[in-house]
């Protein structure tokens, strides 16, 4: 595809959503066309699924059902938002993509990695050009996340042990794939944004 596909990953409260917005603003200021999106969500159908998976009791869905829901949302997001933007030559920044499903459904509540990967290969078949992993102490991230007002706290409510396992999973995944860059997220937003720009700048189209 002629565009550039960036994904931002990390545990809850790692600051990736803020950094995605800051990067989008900086890129637009430099004249780059940008689509800023998120998962689950990013298209009308996927936003409907978002409410199903991020709200309610922690045991509302089994991990297997969650994998199906997240994959359905991602397929719609890909068709309606990501691929059209890339075909227009835009830079797409998504706040979470398939790596979140690999971690939150694939390994944190059982060994379902093979199931996640098979569904991804069958229904998605796309990986980002570059993935930025925002790394932060899980206790700090959880404190940040739970301090936010709102109803989308289902995964935060799974607790510190869940977030700790997710962090280890993300770091292990990053070590396996060259598209990852690990960003130290334990700093003020402007400092982290400078770290992000340093990583992304070399990948930008002229």
N, C-alpha and C. Protein backbone atom coordinates (compact mmCIF):
# COMPACT_ATOMS: atom_id res chain seq x y z
N UNK A 1 0.85 -1.19 0.00
CA UNK A 1 0.00 0.00 0.00
C UNK A 1 0.89 1.24 0.00
N UNK A 2 0.43 2.32 -0.63
CA UNK A 2 1.26 3.52 -0.72
C UNK A 2 1.38 4.31 0.57
N UNK A 3 0.47 4.12 1.52
CA UNK A 3 0.52 4.86 2.77
C UNK A 3 1.47 4.23 3.77
N UNK A 4 1.39 4.70 5.02
CA UNK A 4 2.21 4.18 6.12
C UNK A 4 1.28 3.81 7.26
N UNK A 5 1.41 2.57 7.74
CA UNK A 5 0.50 2.03 8.75
C UNK A 5 1.25 1.90 10.07
N UNK A 6 0.85 2.69 11.07
CA UNK A 6 1.47 2.69 12.40
C UNK A 6 0.46 2.20 13.44
N UNK A 7 0.90 1.33 14.33
CA UNK A 7 0.05 0.92 15.46
C UNK A 7 0.73 1.27 16.77
N UNK A 8 -0.08 1.69 17.74
CA UNK A 8 0.40 2.02 19.08
C UNK A 8 -0.16 0.97 20.03
N UNK A 9 0.72 0.33 20.79
CA UNK A 9 0.31 -0.74 21.70
C UNK A 9 0.85 -0.49 23.10
N UNK A 10 0.30 -1.22 24.05
CA UNK A 10 0.75 -1.10 25.43
C UNK A 10 -0.34 -1.48 26.40
N UNK A 11 0.02 -1.61 27.65
CA UNK A 11 -0.97 -1.93 28.67
C UNK A 11 -1.88 -0.73 28.88
N UNK A 12 -2.96 -0.93 29.58
CA UNK A 12 -3.88 0.16 29.89
C UNK A 12 -3.17 1.21 30.74
N UNK A 13 -3.38 2.47 30.39
CA UNK A 13 -2.77 3.56 31.13
C UNK A 13 -1.36 3.91 30.71
N UNK A 14 -0.88 3.32 29.62
CA UNK A 14 0.51 3.56 29.18
C UNK A 14 0.67 4.88 28.43
N UNK A 15 -0.42 5.55 28.12
CA UNK A 15 -0.34 6.84 27.45
C UNK A 15 -0.37 6.79 25.94
N UNK A 16 -0.60 5.61 25.38
CA UNK A 16 -0.53 5.48 23.92
C UNK A 16 -1.60 6.30 23.21
N UNK A 17 -2.79 6.43 23.79
CA UNK A 17 -3.84 7.21 23.14
C UNK A 17 -3.46 8.68 23.04
N UNK A 18 -2.90 9.21 24.12
CA UNK A 18 -2.42 10.59 24.10
C UNK A 18 -1.32 10.76 23.06
N UNK A 19 -0.39 9.81 23.02
CA UNK A 19 0.72 9.91 22.07
C UNK A 19 0.26 9.74 20.63
N UNK A 20 -0.74 8.93 20.39
CA UNK A 20 -1.28 8.80 19.04
C UNK A 20 -1.85 10.14 18.58
N UNK A 21 -2.57 10.80 19.45
CA UNK A 21 -3.14 12.11 19.10
C UNK A 21 -2.04 13.14 18.88
N UNK A 22 -1.03 13.16 19.74
CA UNK A 22 0.05 14.14 19.59
C UNK A 22 0.83 13.91 18.30
N UNK A 23 1.08 12.65 17.96
CA UNK A 23 1.79 12.37 16.72
C UNK A 23 0.96 12.79 15.52
N UNK A 24 -0.33 12.50 15.55
CA UNK A 24 -1.20 12.90 14.43
C UNK A 24 -1.16 14.41 14.24
N UNK A 25 -1.20 15.15 15.34
CA UNK A 25 -1.15 16.62 15.25
C UNK A 25 0.18 17.08 14.66
N UNK A 26 1.27 16.47 15.11
CA UNK A 26 2.60 16.86 14.62
C UNK A 26 2.76 16.54 13.14
N UNK A 27 2.29 15.38 12.72
CA UNK A 27 2.40 15.00 11.32
C UNK A 27 1.58 15.93 10.42
N UNK A 28 0.38 16.27 10.85
CA UNK A 28 -0.45 17.18 10.07
C UNK A 28 0.21 18.55 9.96
N UNK A 29 0.87 18.98 11.05
CA UNK A 29 1.57 20.26 11.02
C UNK A 29 2.72 20.25 10.02
N UNK A 30 3.25 19.07 9.73
CA UNK A 30 4.32 18.93 8.74
C UNK A 30 3.77 18.63 7.35
N UNK A 31 2.46 18.69 7.19
CA UNK A 31 1.87 18.54 5.88
C UNK A 31 1.49 17.13 5.47
N UNK A 32 1.54 16.18 6.39
CA UNK A 32 1.20 14.80 6.06
C UNK A 32 -0.29 14.55 6.27
N UNK A 33 -0.96 13.89 5.34
CA UNK A 33 -2.36 13.48 5.57
C UNK A 33 -2.39 12.30 6.55
N UNK A 34 -3.23 12.39 7.56
CA UNK A 34 -3.24 11.40 8.64
C UNK A 34 -4.67 10.95 8.93
N UNK A 35 -4.84 9.66 9.12
CA UNK A 35 -6.06 9.10 9.69
C UNK A 35 -5.72 8.56 11.07
N UNK A 36 -6.33 9.13 12.10
CA UNK A 36 -6.15 8.68 13.47
C UNK A 36 -7.36 7.85 13.85
N UNK A 37 -7.13 6.62 14.28
CA UNK A 37 -8.24 5.72 14.57
C UNK A 37 -7.92 4.88 15.80
N UNK A 38 -8.80 3.96 16.14
CA UNK A 38 -8.61 3.19 17.38
C UNK A 38 -9.27 1.82 17.26
N UNK A 39 -8.86 0.94 18.16
CA UNK A 39 -9.51 -0.36 18.30
C UNK A 39 -9.76 -0.68 19.77
N UNK A 40 -10.82 -1.43 20.06
CA UNK A 40 -11.87 -1.76 19.10
C UNK A 40 -12.62 -0.49 18.70
N UNK A 41 -13.00 -0.43 17.45
CA UNK A 41 -13.67 0.75 16.94
C UNK A 41 -13.06 1.19 15.64
N UNK A 42 -13.24 2.47 15.33
CA UNK A 42 -12.65 3.03 14.13
C UNK A 42 -13.54 2.99 12.91
N UNK A 43 -14.69 2.35 13.02
CA UNK A 43 -15.71 2.33 11.97
C UNK A 43 -17.04 2.18 12.69
N UNK A 44 -18.16 2.57 12.05
CA UNK A 44 -19.44 2.50 12.77
C UNK A 44 -19.76 1.12 13.34
N UNK A 45 -19.56 0.07 12.54
CA UNK A 45 -19.85 -1.27 13.05
C UNK A 45 -18.93 -1.68 14.18
N UNK A 46 -17.65 -1.35 14.04
CA UNK A 46 -16.68 -1.71 15.07
C UNK A 46 -16.92 -0.94 16.37
N UNK A 47 -17.41 0.29 16.27
CA UNK A 47 -17.71 1.06 17.47
C UNK A 47 -18.87 0.42 18.25
N UNK A 48 -19.81 -0.19 17.54
CA UNK A 48 -20.89 -0.89 18.23
C UNK A 48 -20.34 -2.09 19.00
N UNK A 49 -19.40 -2.80 18.40
CA UNK A 49 -18.79 -3.94 19.10
C UNK A 49 -17.96 -3.46 20.28
N UNK A 50 -17.34 -2.27 20.16
CA UNK A 50 -16.53 -1.72 21.25
C UNK A 50 -17.32 -1.68 22.55
N UNK A 51 -18.55 -1.23 22.48
CA UNK A 51 -19.35 -1.15 23.70
C UNK A 51 -19.60 -2.52 24.31
N UNK A 52 -19.69 -3.53 23.47
CA UNK A 52 -19.93 -4.88 23.98
C UNK A 52 -18.73 -5.42 24.75
N UNK A 53 -17.52 -5.13 24.27
CA UNK A 53 -16.34 -5.78 24.84
C UNK A 53 -15.65 -4.96 25.94
N UNK A 54 -15.88 -3.65 25.99
CA UNK A 54 -15.18 -2.82 26.97
C UNK A 54 -16.02 -2.44 28.17
N UNK A 55 -17.32 -2.73 28.12
CA UNK A 55 -18.19 -2.40 29.25
C UNK A 55 -18.77 -3.68 29.85
N UNK A 56 -19.18 -3.58 31.10
CA UNK A 56 -19.82 -4.72 31.75
C UNK A 56 -18.88 -5.50 32.66
N UNK A 57 -19.35 -6.62 33.13
CA UNK A 57 -18.61 -7.44 34.09
C UNK A 57 -17.38 -8.07 33.44
N UNK A 58 -16.37 -8.34 34.26
CA UNK A 58 -15.13 -8.92 33.73
C UNK A 58 -15.37 -10.30 33.12
N UNK A 59 -16.37 -11.02 33.61
CA UNK A 59 -16.65 -12.36 33.09
C UNK A 59 -17.78 -12.36 32.07
N UNK A 60 -18.05 -11.21 31.49
CA UNK A 60 -19.15 -11.11 30.53
C UNK A 60 -18.95 -12.03 29.34
N UNK A 61 -17.70 -12.12 28.85
CA UNK A 61 -17.39 -12.95 27.69
C UNK A 61 -16.25 -13.90 28.03
N UNK A 62 -16.27 -15.06 27.42
CA UNK A 62 -15.11 -15.95 27.50
C UNK A 62 -14.02 -15.41 26.60
N UNK A 63 -12.75 -15.79 26.83
CA UNK A 63 -11.68 -15.36 25.92
C UNK A 63 -11.95 -15.75 24.47
N UNK A 64 -12.51 -16.93 24.26
CA UNK A 64 -12.78 -17.39 22.90
C UNK A 64 -13.81 -16.49 22.21
N UNK A 65 -14.86 -16.13 22.93
CA UNK A 65 -15.87 -15.24 22.36
C UNK A 65 -15.28 -13.86 22.09
N UNK A 66 -14.45 -13.40 23.00
CA UNK A 66 -13.80 -12.10 22.79
C UNK A 66 -12.95 -12.09 21.52
N UNK A 67 -12.23 -13.16 21.27
CA UNK A 67 -11.41 -13.24 20.06
C UNK A 67 -12.28 -13.04 18.82
N UNK A 68 -13.44 -13.68 18.80
CA UNK A 68 -14.34 -13.55 17.65
C UNK A 68 -14.87 -12.13 17.53
N UNK A 69 -15.23 -11.53 18.65
CA UNK A 69 -15.77 -10.16 18.63
C UNK A 69 -14.71 -9.16 18.17
N UNK A 70 -13.50 -9.26 18.72
CA UNK A 70 -12.44 -8.34 18.34
C UNK A 70 -12.05 -8.52 16.87
N UNK A 71 -12.04 -9.77 16.40
CA UNK A 71 -11.70 -10.01 15.00
C UNK A 71 -12.77 -9.45 14.07
N UNK A 72 -14.03 -9.59 14.45
CA UNK A 72 -15.11 -9.02 13.65
C UNK A 72 -14.99 -7.50 13.58
N UNK A 73 -14.71 -6.88 14.73
CA UNK A 73 -14.54 -5.43 14.75
C UNK A 73 -13.35 -5.01 13.90
N UNK A 74 -12.26 -5.76 13.99
CA UNK A 74 -11.05 -5.42 13.23
C UNK A 74 -11.29 -5.57 11.73
N UNK A 75 -12.01 -6.57 11.32
CA UNK A 75 -12.29 -6.75 9.90
C UNK A 75 -13.06 -5.56 9.34
N UNK A 76 -14.08 -5.11 10.07
CA UNK A 76 -14.85 -3.96 9.63
C UNK A 76 -14.00 -2.70 9.62
N UNK A 77 -13.19 -2.52 10.64
CA UNK A 77 -12.27 -1.38 10.73
C UNK A 77 -11.31 -1.37 9.55
N UNK A 78 -10.78 -2.54 9.22
CA UNK A 78 -9.84 -2.65 8.11
C UNK A 78 -10.50 -2.28 6.78
N UNK A 79 -11.71 -2.83 6.55
CA UNK A 79 -12.41 -2.59 5.29
C UNK A 79 -12.85 -1.13 5.14
N UNK A 80 -13.40 -0.57 6.21
CA UNK A 80 -14.06 0.73 6.10
C UNK A 80 -13.11 1.91 6.34
N UNK A 81 -12.03 1.71 7.09
CA UNK A 81 -11.21 2.85 7.49
C UNK A 81 -9.74 2.71 7.08
N UNK A 82 -9.09 1.62 7.49
CA UNK A 82 -7.64 1.52 7.34
C UNK A 82 -7.22 1.38 5.88
N UNK A 83 -7.75 0.39 5.19
CA UNK A 83 -7.33 0.17 3.80
C UNK A 83 -7.67 1.34 2.88
N UNK A 84 -8.86 1.93 2.99
CA UNK A 84 -9.13 3.11 2.14
C UNK A 84 -8.15 4.26 2.39
N UNK A 85 -7.80 4.51 3.66
CA UNK A 85 -6.87 5.59 3.97
C UNK A 85 -5.48 5.29 3.42
N UNK A 86 -5.03 4.05 3.56
CA UNK A 86 -3.72 3.68 3.02
C UNK A 86 -3.70 3.79 1.51
N UNK A 87 -4.79 3.42 0.86
CA UNK A 87 -4.85 3.50 -0.60
C UNK A 87 -4.80 4.94 -1.08
N UNK A 88 -5.20 5.87 -0.22
CA UNK A 88 -5.11 7.30 -0.56
C UNK A 88 -3.72 7.86 -0.26
N UNK A 89 -2.82 7.02 0.25
CA UNK A 89 -1.48 7.46 0.56
C UNK A 89 -1.34 8.14 1.91
N UNK A 90 -2.31 7.93 2.81
CA UNK A 90 -2.27 8.58 4.11
C UNK A 90 -1.43 7.79 5.11
N UNK A 91 -1.04 8.47 6.19
CA UNK A 91 -0.44 7.80 7.33
C UNK A 91 -1.58 7.41 8.27
N UNK A 92 -1.71 6.15 8.55
CA UNK A 92 -2.75 5.66 9.46
C UNK A 92 -2.11 5.36 10.81
N UNK A 93 -2.65 5.97 11.86
CA UNK A 93 -2.21 5.70 13.22
C UNK A 93 -3.38 5.06 13.94
N UNK A 94 -3.21 3.82 14.37
CA UNK A 94 -4.28 3.17 15.11
C UNK A 94 -3.85 2.92 16.55
N UNK A 95 -4.70 3.32 17.47
CA UNK A 95 -4.54 3.07 18.90
C UNK A 95 -5.04 1.65 19.16
N UNK A 96 -4.12 0.70 19.11
CA UNK A 96 -4.30 -0.76 19.21
C UNK A 96 -4.63 -1.36 17.85
N UNK A 97 -4.11 -2.58 17.66
CA UNK A 97 -4.44 -3.40 16.49
C UNK A 97 -4.34 -4.86 16.92
N UNK A 98 -3.93 -5.73 16.03
CA UNK A 98 -3.99 -7.17 16.29
C UNK A 98 -3.12 -7.62 17.47
N UNK A 99 -2.02 -6.89 17.74
CA UNK A 99 -1.16 -7.31 18.85
C UNK A 99 -1.89 -7.26 20.18
N UNK A 100 -2.85 -6.36 20.33
CA UNK A 100 -3.62 -6.33 21.58
C UNK A 100 -4.43 -7.60 21.75
N UNK A 101 -5.01 -8.11 20.66
CA UNK A 101 -5.74 -9.37 20.76
C UNK A 101 -4.79 -10.52 21.04
N UNK A 102 -3.61 -10.49 20.43
CA UNK A 102 -2.62 -11.53 20.71
C UNK A 102 -2.28 -11.59 22.20
N UNK A 103 -2.27 -10.43 22.86
CA UNK A 103 -1.91 -10.39 24.27
C UNK A 103 -3.12 -10.57 25.17
N UNK A 104 -4.12 -9.70 25.04
CA UNK A 104 -5.24 -9.68 26.00
C UNK A 104 -6.14 -10.90 25.90
N UNK A 105 -6.31 -11.45 24.70
CA UNK A 105 -7.10 -12.67 24.57
C UNK A 105 -6.23 -13.90 24.34
N UNK A 106 -5.06 -13.72 23.74
CA UNK A 106 -4.24 -14.86 23.36
C UNK A 106 -3.46 -15.49 24.48
N UNK A 107 -2.98 -14.67 25.45
CA UNK A 107 -2.11 -15.26 26.47
C UNK A 107 -2.47 -14.91 27.91
N UNK A 108 -3.22 -13.83 28.16
CA UNK A 108 -3.40 -13.42 29.56
C UNK A 108 -4.38 -14.30 30.32
N UNK A 109 -5.27 -14.98 29.62
CA UNK A 109 -6.26 -15.83 30.31
C UNK A 109 -6.26 -17.25 29.77
N UNK A 110 -5.11 -17.69 29.30
CA UNK A 110 -4.99 -19.03 28.76
C UNK A 110 -4.09 -19.01 27.55
N UNK A 111 -3.88 -20.17 26.96
CA UNK A 111 -3.00 -20.27 25.80
C UNK A 111 -3.86 -20.38 24.54
N UNK A 112 -4.24 -19.22 24.02
CA UNK A 112 -5.07 -19.18 22.82
C UNK A 112 -4.35 -18.49 21.67
N UNK A 113 -3.04 -18.42 21.74
CA UNK A 113 -2.27 -17.72 20.72
C UNK A 113 -2.49 -18.30 19.33
N UNK A 114 -2.53 -19.61 19.24
CA UNK A 114 -2.70 -20.25 17.93
C UNK A 114 -4.06 -19.90 17.33
N UNK A 115 -5.08 -19.84 18.16
CA UNK A 115 -6.41 -19.48 17.68
C UNK A 115 -6.43 -18.05 17.16
N UNK A 116 -5.82 -17.14 17.93
CA UNK A 116 -5.74 -15.73 17.50
C UNK A 116 -5.02 -15.62 16.17
N UNK A 117 -3.90 -16.31 16.05
CA UNK A 117 -3.10 -16.21 14.82
C UNK A 117 -3.83 -16.80 13.61
N UNK A 118 -4.53 -17.91 13.81
CA UNK A 118 -5.27 -18.51 12.70
C UNK A 118 -6.38 -17.58 12.21
N UNK A 119 -7.11 -16.99 13.13
CA UNK A 119 -8.17 -16.06 12.75
C UNK A 119 -7.61 -14.82 12.08
N UNK A 120 -6.48 -14.34 12.59
CA UNK A 120 -5.85 -13.17 11.99
C UNK A 120 -5.43 -13.47 10.55
N UNK A 121 -4.80 -14.58 10.34
CA UNK A 121 -4.36 -14.94 8.99
C UNK A 121 -5.55 -15.09 8.05
N UNK A 122 -6.64 -15.64 8.55
CA UNK A 122 -7.81 -15.90 7.72
C UNK A 122 -8.60 -14.64 7.41
N UNK A 123 -8.78 -13.75 8.41
CA UNK A 123 -9.72 -12.65 8.27
C UNK A 123 -9.07 -11.27 8.15
N UNK A 124 -7.82 -11.12 8.59
CA UNK A 124 -7.18 -9.80 8.59
C UNK A 124 -6.01 -9.79 7.61
N UNK A 125 -4.98 -10.55 7.86
CA UNK A 125 -3.88 -10.70 6.91
C UNK A 125 -3.02 -9.47 6.70
N UNK A 126 -3.09 -8.51 7.61
CA UNK A 126 -2.33 -7.27 7.49
C UNK A 126 -1.62 -6.99 8.80
N UNK A 127 -0.36 -6.57 8.71
CA UNK A 127 0.38 -6.12 9.89
C UNK A 127 0.82 -4.68 9.68
N UNK A 128 0.98 -3.91 10.75
CA UNK A 128 1.46 -2.54 10.60
C UNK A 128 2.88 -2.50 10.04
N UNK A 129 3.23 -1.38 9.41
CA UNK A 129 4.61 -1.17 8.98
C UNK A 129 5.52 -0.96 10.18
N UNK A 130 4.98 -0.31 11.21
CA UNK A 130 5.75 0.01 12.41
C UNK A 130 4.81 -0.03 13.61
N UNK A 131 5.25 -0.68 14.69
CA UNK A 131 4.46 -0.76 15.92
C UNK A 131 5.26 -0.16 17.06
N UNK A 132 4.68 0.83 17.72
CA UNK A 132 5.32 1.45 18.89
C UNK A 132 4.68 0.88 20.14
N UNK A 133 5.51 0.26 20.98
CA UNK A 133 5.05 -0.32 22.24
C UNK A 133 5.41 0.62 23.38
N UNK A 134 4.41 1.15 24.05
CA UNK A 134 4.63 2.07 25.16
C UNK A 134 4.73 1.26 26.45
N UNK A 135 5.93 1.23 26.99
CA UNK A 135 6.23 0.38 28.14
C UNK A 135 6.19 1.17 29.43
N UNK A 136 5.46 0.65 30.41
CA UNK A 136 5.27 1.34 31.68
C UNK A 136 5.05 0.32 32.77
N UNK A 137 5.47 0.66 33.99
CA UNK A 137 5.21 -0.21 35.14
C UNK A 137 3.70 -0.45 35.24
N UNK A 138 3.26 -1.69 35.37
CA UNK A 138 1.83 -1.98 35.38
C UNK A 138 1.06 -1.29 36.51
N UNK A 139 1.66 -1.15 37.68
CA UNK A 139 0.97 -0.48 38.78
C UNK A 139 0.71 0.99 38.44
N UNK A 140 1.70 1.63 37.82
CA UNK A 140 1.53 3.03 37.41
C UNK A 140 0.45 3.14 36.34
N UNK A 141 0.51 2.26 35.36
CA UNK A 141 -0.48 2.28 34.30
C UNK A 141 -1.89 2.04 34.80
N UNK A 142 -2.04 1.08 35.70
CA UNK A 142 -3.37 0.77 36.22
C UNK A 142 -3.92 1.93 37.03
N UNK A 143 -3.06 2.59 37.81
CA UNK A 143 -3.50 3.75 38.58
C UNK A 143 -3.97 4.86 37.65
N UNK A 144 -3.23 5.09 36.57
CA UNK A 144 -3.65 6.10 35.59
C UNK A 144 -4.99 5.73 34.97
N UNK A 145 -5.11 4.47 34.56
CA UNK A 145 -6.30 4.03 33.83
C UNK A 145 -7.55 4.08 34.70
N UNK A 146 -7.45 3.64 35.94
CA UNK A 146 -8.62 3.61 36.80
C UNK A 146 -9.01 5.00 37.29
N UNK A 147 -8.09 5.96 37.19
CA UNK A 147 -8.41 7.34 37.58
C UNK A 147 -9.27 8.03 36.54
N UNK A 148 -9.31 7.49 35.33
CA UNK A 148 -10.11 8.11 34.27
C UNK A 148 -11.59 7.85 34.52
N UNK A 149 -12.38 8.87 34.26
CA UNK A 149 -13.82 8.69 34.36
C UNK A 149 -14.31 7.93 33.13
N UNK A 150 -15.39 7.19 33.31
CA UNK A 150 -15.96 6.49 32.17
C UNK A 150 -16.41 5.09 32.52
N UNK A 151 -16.98 4.42 31.55
CA UNK A 151 -17.53 3.08 31.76
C UNK A 151 -16.69 1.98 31.11
N UNK A 152 -15.68 2.37 30.30
CA UNK A 152 -14.89 1.37 29.57
C UNK A 152 -13.72 0.89 30.42
N UNK A 153 -14.05 0.18 31.50
CA UNK A 153 -13.01 -0.24 32.45
C UNK A 153 -13.01 -1.75 32.67
N UNK A 154 -13.60 -2.48 31.75
CA UNK A 154 -13.72 -3.93 31.96
C UNK A 154 -12.36 -4.60 32.10
N UNK A 155 -11.38 -4.23 31.26
CA UNK A 155 -10.07 -4.87 31.33
C UNK A 155 -9.26 -4.33 32.50
N UNK A 156 -9.42 -3.06 32.83
CA UNK A 156 -8.74 -2.52 34.00
C UNK A 156 -9.22 -3.23 35.27
N UNK A 157 -10.51 -3.58 35.30
CA UNK A 157 -11.07 -4.25 36.46
C UNK A 157 -10.53 -5.67 36.65
N UNK A 158 -9.82 -6.19 35.68
CA UNK A 158 -9.22 -7.52 35.83
C UNK A 158 -7.99 -7.50 36.73
N UNK A 159 -7.49 -6.30 37.06
CA UNK A 159 -6.50 -6.18 38.12
C UNK A 159 -5.05 -6.12 37.70
N UNK A 160 -4.19 -5.96 38.71
CA UNK A 160 -2.76 -5.75 38.48
C UNK A 160 -2.08 -6.98 37.89
N UNK A 161 -2.43 -8.16 38.37
CA UNK A 161 -1.79 -9.37 37.86
C UNK A 161 -2.05 -9.52 36.35
N UNK A 162 -3.25 -9.18 35.92
CA UNK A 162 -3.60 -9.25 34.50
C UNK A 162 -2.76 -8.26 33.70
N UNK A 163 -2.63 -7.03 34.20
CA UNK A 163 -1.85 -6.01 33.49
C UNK A 163 -0.36 -6.38 33.47
N UNK A 164 0.13 -6.97 34.55
CA UNK A 164 1.53 -7.39 34.61
C UNK A 164 1.81 -8.48 33.58
N UNK A 165 0.92 -9.43 33.48
CA UNK A 165 1.09 -10.50 32.50
C UNK A 165 1.03 -9.94 31.09
N UNK A 166 0.15 -8.95 30.88
CA UNK A 166 0.05 -8.32 29.56
C UNK A 166 1.34 -7.60 29.21
N UNK A 167 1.93 -6.90 30.17
CA UNK A 167 3.18 -6.20 29.89
C UNK A 167 4.27 -7.18 29.46
N UNK A 168 4.42 -8.25 30.20
CA UNK A 168 5.43 -9.25 29.84
C UNK A 168 5.16 -9.82 28.45
N UNK A 169 3.88 -10.03 28.14
CA UNK A 169 3.52 -10.55 26.83
C UNK A 169 3.88 -9.58 25.71
N UNK A 170 3.59 -8.31 25.92
CA UNK A 170 3.93 -7.31 24.91
C UNK A 170 5.44 -7.25 24.67
N UNK A 171 6.21 -7.25 25.75
CA UNK A 171 7.66 -7.17 25.59
C UNK A 171 8.21 -8.40 24.88
N UNK A 172 7.65 -9.57 25.19
CA UNK A 172 8.09 -10.79 24.50
C UNK A 172 7.74 -10.74 23.02
N UNK A 173 6.56 -10.22 22.71
CA UNK A 173 6.15 -10.08 21.32
C UNK A 173 7.06 -9.11 20.57
N UNK A 174 7.39 -8.01 21.23
CA UNK A 174 8.27 -7.01 20.61
C UNK A 174 9.64 -7.59 20.28
N UNK A 175 10.11 -8.51 21.12
CA UNK A 175 11.41 -9.11 20.90
C UNK A 175 11.42 -10.05 19.69
N UNK A 176 10.22 -10.47 19.26
CA UNK A 176 10.11 -11.44 18.17
C UNK A 176 9.93 -10.80 16.79
N UNK A 177 9.57 -9.51 16.75
CA UNK A 177 9.19 -8.89 15.47
C UNK A 177 9.94 -7.58 15.28
N UNK A 178 10.58 -7.43 14.14
CA UNK A 178 11.41 -6.26 13.88
C UNK A 178 10.59 -4.99 13.68
N UNK A 179 9.28 -5.10 13.46
CA UNK A 179 8.48 -3.89 13.27
C UNK A 179 8.25 -3.13 14.58
N UNK A 180 8.57 -3.74 15.70
CA UNK A 180 8.35 -3.10 17.00
C UNK A 180 9.47 -2.14 17.36
N UNK A 181 9.08 -1.03 18.03
CA UNK A 181 10.01 -0.16 18.73
C UNK A 181 9.43 0.06 20.12
N UNK A 182 10.23 -0.18 21.15
CA UNK A 182 9.76 -0.02 22.53
C UNK A 182 10.06 1.40 22.99
N UNK A 183 9.03 2.10 23.47
CA UNK A 183 9.13 3.47 23.93
C UNK A 183 8.99 3.49 25.45
N UNK A 184 9.96 4.09 26.15
CA UNK A 184 9.84 4.27 27.59
C UNK A 184 8.76 5.31 27.84
N UNK A 185 7.64 4.89 28.41
CA UNK A 185 6.49 5.78 28.60
C UNK A 185 6.44 6.40 30.00
N UNK A 186 7.48 6.18 30.80
CA UNK A 186 7.50 6.71 32.16
C UNK A 186 8.13 8.10 32.16
N UNK A 187 7.41 9.06 31.59
CA UNK A 187 7.88 10.45 31.50
C UNK A 187 6.68 11.32 31.19
N UNK A 188 6.89 12.64 31.18
CA UNK A 188 5.80 13.55 30.84
C UNK A 188 5.45 13.39 29.36
N UNK A 189 4.24 13.78 28.96
CA UNK A 189 3.80 13.56 27.58
C UNK A 189 4.70 14.19 26.53
N UNK A 190 5.24 15.37 26.77
CA UNK A 190 6.09 16.01 25.77
C UNK A 190 7.39 15.24 25.57
N UNK A 191 7.95 14.71 26.65
CA UNK A 191 9.18 13.93 26.54
C UNK A 191 8.93 12.65 25.77
N UNK A 192 7.82 11.98 26.08
CA UNK A 192 7.48 10.75 25.36
C UNK A 192 7.20 11.06 23.89
N UNK A 193 6.54 12.18 23.62
CA UNK A 193 6.25 12.56 22.24
C UNK A 193 7.53 12.78 21.44
N UNK A 194 8.54 13.35 22.08
CA UNK A 194 9.83 13.54 21.39
C UNK A 194 10.46 12.19 21.07
N UNK A 195 10.33 11.22 21.96
CA UNK A 195 10.84 9.88 21.71
C UNK A 195 10.10 9.24 20.53
N UNK A 196 8.80 9.45 20.48
CA UNK A 196 8.00 8.90 19.39
C UNK A 196 8.43 9.51 18.06
N UNK A 197 8.58 10.82 18.03
CA UNK A 197 8.96 11.49 16.78
C UNK A 197 10.31 11.00 16.28
N UNK A 198 11.23 10.80 17.19
CA UNK A 198 12.57 10.32 16.82
C UNK A 198 12.48 8.96 16.12
N UNK A 199 11.58 8.12 16.59
CA UNK A 199 11.42 6.79 16.00
C UNK A 199 10.70 6.86 14.66
N UNK A 200 9.65 7.66 14.59
CA UNK A 200 8.79 7.67 13.42
C UNK A 200 9.39 8.45 12.26
N UNK A 201 10.16 9.48 12.56
CA UNK A 201 10.65 10.40 11.52
C UNK A 201 11.36 9.68 10.38
N UNK A 202 12.15 8.69 10.70
CA UNK A 202 12.93 8.00 9.66
C UNK A 202 12.06 7.14 8.74
N UNK A 203 10.81 6.90 9.13
CA UNK A 203 9.90 6.07 8.32
C UNK A 203 8.94 6.89 7.48
N UNK A 204 9.00 8.22 7.61
CA UNK A 204 8.02 9.05 6.93
C UNK A 204 8.30 9.15 5.44
N UNK A 205 7.25 9.26 4.63
CA UNK A 205 7.45 9.49 3.20
C UNK A 205 8.01 10.89 2.97
N UNK A 206 8.72 11.10 1.90
CA UNK A 206 9.27 12.44 1.64
C UNK A 206 8.18 13.48 1.39
